[in-house]
Amino acid sequence: MKNTLLLTLSLALLVGCMSMNVKVKVKETNPRPNISIDSSDTNTSLSLSIDDAIKDSFEVSVSKAQVGLVSSDTKMTVEGWRKSLEAGFQNGFKGFFKIEKSGSDLIINITRADLSYPPTITYSASLVRKTGEVVKSTAGTASPVRSGGMQGSAGEVEMSPMAESAIEVMYEKIARDLFPKAQ
């Protein structure tokens, strides 16, 4: 009798977990890329331009195979994406350039910053002079070096730490590719 009751409860719990609607979220973050640029000219100004196609809030499809025990495909809700990209730029480059909103000597133009699940960024960026001349371009994929989402409330997984780490890696790669003396 005890074993039957235990088995019944275990099955009920398993079925409940399999039909659970898991919410996967990424919220605005404050990335701090580890960038080192050997530059003696800190008077050069730099700004960031993010293509209008890159949205601040959006959803990314996540299959049940990617999440685990869920009954159907779900979405990863992303909020504050552009703000997170801007914060990563500010935190990464402010010690090496005079950061401007516009009218700068150089512009990092991000034309692609697609976030997928698990948080990975496919990006494309160019370094452009204020005259419009493209100095150099780069593209790649940035995966986080920190792993694991944090469990939020019941049925919610917070993936912001992984997305933040992917942004840091993206800017570290961009700095190495666009600035020859970057480490």
Protein backbone atom coordinates (compact mmCIF):
# COMPACT_ATOMS: atom_id res chain seq x y z
CA MET A 1 0.00 0.00 0.00
CA LYS A 2 2.79 2.42 0.95
CA ASN A 3 4.72 1.61 -2.23
CA THR A 4 1.58 2.09 -4.36
CA LEU A 5 0.92 5.47 -2.77
CA LEU A 6 4.56 6.53 -3.21
CA LEU A 7 4.53 5.42 -6.86
CA THR A 8 1.25 7.28 -7.49
CA LEU A 9 2.62 10.48 -5.94
CA SER A 10 5.88 10.18 -7.89
CA LEU A 11 4.02 9.73 -11.17
CA ALA A 12 1.76 12.68 -10.41
CA LEU A 13 4.81 14.86 -9.70
CA LEU A 14 6.54 13.71 -12.90
CA VAL A 15 3.45 14.37 -15.04
CA GLY A 16 3.07 17.78 -13.39
CA CYS A 17 6.69 18.67 -14.19
CA MET A 18 6.32 17.49 -17.77
CA SER A 19 3.36 19.75 -18.36
CA MET A 20 4.86 22.71 -16.51
CA ASN A 21 5.03 25.94 -18.47
CA VAL A 22 8.61 27.12 -17.97
CA LYS A 23 9.28 30.84 -18.50
CA VAL A 24 12.80 31.67 -19.64
CA LYS A 25 13.82 35.31 -19.14
CA VAL A 26 16.69 37.66 -19.89
CA LYS A 27 16.53 41.08 -18.23
CA GLU A 28 18.64 44.22 -18.65
CA THR A 29 22.21 43.64 -17.45
CA ASN A 30 25.38 45.63 -16.78
CA PRO A 31 28.17 43.75 -18.62
CA ARG A 32 31.78 44.54 -17.77
CA PRO A 33 34.01 43.29 -20.61
CA ASN A 34 37.68 42.70 -19.81
CA ILE A 35 39.26 44.88 -22.49
CA SER A 36 42.80 46.22 -22.70
CA ILE A 37 43.72 48.53 -25.55
CA ASP A 38 47.32 49.77 -25.78
CA SER A 39 46.59 53.34 -26.77
CA SER A 40 48.45 56.45 -25.77
CA ASP A 41 45.82 58.66 -27.45
CA THR A 42 42.96 58.83 -24.96
CA ASN A 43 41.69 62.03 -26.62
CA THR A 44 40.21 60.00 -29.49
CA SER A 45 36.44 59.93 -29.12
CA LEU A 46 34.36 56.79 -29.66
CA SER A 47 30.63 56.23 -29.89
CA LEU A 48 28.31 53.28 -30.37
CA SER A 49 25.72 52.92 -33.11
CA ILE A 50 23.26 50.02 -32.84
CA ASP A 51 21.23 49.20 -35.93
CA ASP A 52 17.50 49.96 -35.56
CA ALA A 53 16.71 46.32 -36.46
CA ILE A 54 18.18 45.27 -33.09
CA LYS A 55 15.21 45.49 -30.72
CA ASP A 56 15.28 46.24 -26.99
CA SER A 57 12.55 43.70 -26.15
CA PHE A 58 11.77 40.51 -28.07
CA GLU A 59 11.16 36.78 -27.76
CA VAL A 60 13.36 33.86 -28.83
CA SER A 61 11.89 30.42 -29.55
CA VAL A 62 13.11 27.66 -27.25
CA SER A 63 12.27 24.04 -27.99
CA LYS A 64 11.24 21.61 -25.27
CA ALA A 65 14.40 19.62 -26.04
CA GLN A 66 16.52 22.67 -25.08
CA VAL A 67 14.79 23.32 -21.76
CA GLY A 68 14.07 19.82 -20.52
CA LEU A 69 10.82 18.66 -18.97
CA VAL A 70 8.24 20.90 -20.57
CA SER A 71 5.17 19.88 -22.51
CA SER A 72 5.59 22.28 -25.40
CA ASP A 73 7.95 24.76 -26.96
CA THR A 74 8.32 28.01 -25.06
CA LYS A 75 9.81 31.47 -25.56
CA MET A 76 12.76 33.22 -23.97
CA THR A 77 11.58 36.75 -23.17
CA VAL A 78 14.32 39.36 -23.55
CA GLU A 79 14.01 42.84 -22.06
CA GLY A 80 16.53 45.70 -22.08
CA TRP A 81 18.73 44.16 -24.82
CA ARG A 82 19.86 47.45 -26.40
CA LYS A 83 20.44 48.96 -22.95
CA SER A 84 22.58 45.94 -22.02
CA LEU A 85 24.61 46.32 -25.24
CA GLU A 86 25.09 50.04 -24.50
CA ALA A 87 26.20 49.32 -20.92
CA GLY A 88 28.73 46.74 -22.14
CA PHE A 89 30.15 49.27 -24.61
CA GLN A 90 30.43 51.99 -21.96
CA ASN A 91 32.01 49.69 -19.37
CA GLY A 92 34.45 48.15 -21.85
CA PHE A 93 35.79 51.16 -23.74
CA LYS A 94 35.50 54.13 -21.35
CA GLY A 95 39.04 53.80 -20.00
CA PHE A 96 40.59 53.94 -23.47
CA PHE A 97 38.52 56.51 -25.36
CA LYS A 98 36.52 59.65 -24.74
CA ILE A 99 33.00 58.20 -25.01
CA GLU A 100 30.54 60.39 -26.93
CA LYS A 101 26.86 59.97 -27.82
CA SER A 102 27.46 61.22 -31.38
CA GLY A 103 29.93 63.19 -33.49
CA SER A 104 32.90 61.09 -32.35
CA ASP A 105 36.15 60.41 -34.21
CA LEU A 106 35.37 56.68 -34.37
CA ILE A 107 32.11 54.73 -34.22
CA ILE A 108 31.55 51.08 -33.42
CA ASN A 109 28.56 50.21 -35.58
CA ILE A 110 26.76 47.04 -34.49
CA THR A 111 24.59 45.77 -37.33
CA ARG A 112 23.75 42.40 -35.81
CA ALA A 113 23.46 41.16 -32.22
CA ASP A 114 21.14 38.15 -32.37
CA LEU A 115 20.57 36.37 -29.08
CA SER A 116 19.69 32.69 -29.19
CA TYR A 117 19.07 30.02 -26.54
CA PRO A 118 21.09 29.06 -24.61
CA PRO A 119 22.34 32.65 -24.51
CA THR A 120 24.75 32.98 -27.43
CA ILE A 121 25.19 36.09 -29.59
CA THR A 122 25.78 36.11 -33.32
CA TYR A 123 27.15 39.56 -34.07
CA SER A 124 28.49 41.81 -36.79
CA ALA A 125 30.27 45.12 -36.14
CA SER A 126 32.39 47.71 -37.93
CA LEU A 127 34.74 50.44 -36.87
CA VAL A 128 33.86 53.58 -38.83
CA ARG A 129 35.57 56.97 -38.99
CA LYS A 130 33.39 60.07 -38.63
CA THR A 131 33.88 60.58 -42.40
CA GLY A 132 31.95 57.33 -42.98
CA GLU A 133 35.03 55.33 -44.00
CA VAL A 134 34.90 51.76 -42.70
CA VAL A 135 38.24 51.03 -41.01
CA LYS A 136 37.62 47.37 -40.23
CA SER A 137 34.75 44.91 -39.79
CA THR A 138 34.25 41.78 -37.75
CA ALA A 139 31.62 39.11 -37.21
CA GLY A 140 31.36 36.07 -35.01
CA THR A 141 29.61 34.17 -32.28
CA ALA A 142 30.03 34.92 -28.58
CA SER A 143 29.21 32.24 -26.03
CA PRO A 144 29.16 32.97 -22.31
CA VAL A 145 32.06 31.94 -20.11
CA ARG A 146 29.76 31.83 -17.07
CA SER A 147 27.25 29.04 -17.27
CA GLY A 148 23.88 28.18 -15.82
CA GLY A 149 20.66 30.05 -15.46
CA MET A 150 19.27 30.93 -12.09
CA GLN A 151 15.98 29.50 -10.96
CA GLY A 152 13.52 32.28 -10.30
CA SER A 153 10.05 31.72 -8.97
CA ALA A 154 8.33 28.41 -9.72
CA GLY A 155 8.53 27.64 -13.41
CA GLU A 156 10.86 30.55 -14.22
CA VAL A 157 14.50 30.39 -15.31
CA GLU A 158 16.56 33.60 -15.27
CA MET A 159 19.21 33.54 -18.02
CA SER A 160 20.46 37.15 -17.57
CA PRO A 161 23.87 36.15 -16.10
CA MET A 162 24.63 34.02 -19.18
CA ALA A 163 23.47 36.75 -21.58
CA GLU A 164 25.58 39.30 -19.70
CA SER A 165 28.62 37.03 -20.02
CA ALA A 166 27.98 36.59 -23.77
CA ILE A 167 27.89 40.39 -24.20
CA GLU A 168 31.21 40.67 -22.36
CA VAL A 169 32.78 38.04 -24.64
CA MET A 170 31.33 39.79 -27.72
CA TYR A 171 32.93 43.14 -26.81
CA GLU A 172 36.24 41.47 -25.91
CA LYS A 173 36.29 39.87 -29.39
CA ILE A 174 35.23 43.12 -31.08
CA ALA A 175 38.03 45.03 -29.31
CA ARG A 176 40.65 42.46 -30.38
CA ASP A 177 39.39 42.44 -33.98
CA LEU A 178 38.85 46.17 -34.51
CA PHE A 179 41.75 47.60 -32.52
CA PRO A 180 45.12 46.03 -33.44
CA LYS A 181 46.73 46.74 -30.07
CA ALA A 182 43.88 45.30 -28.00
CA GLN A 183 44.49 42.28 -25.80
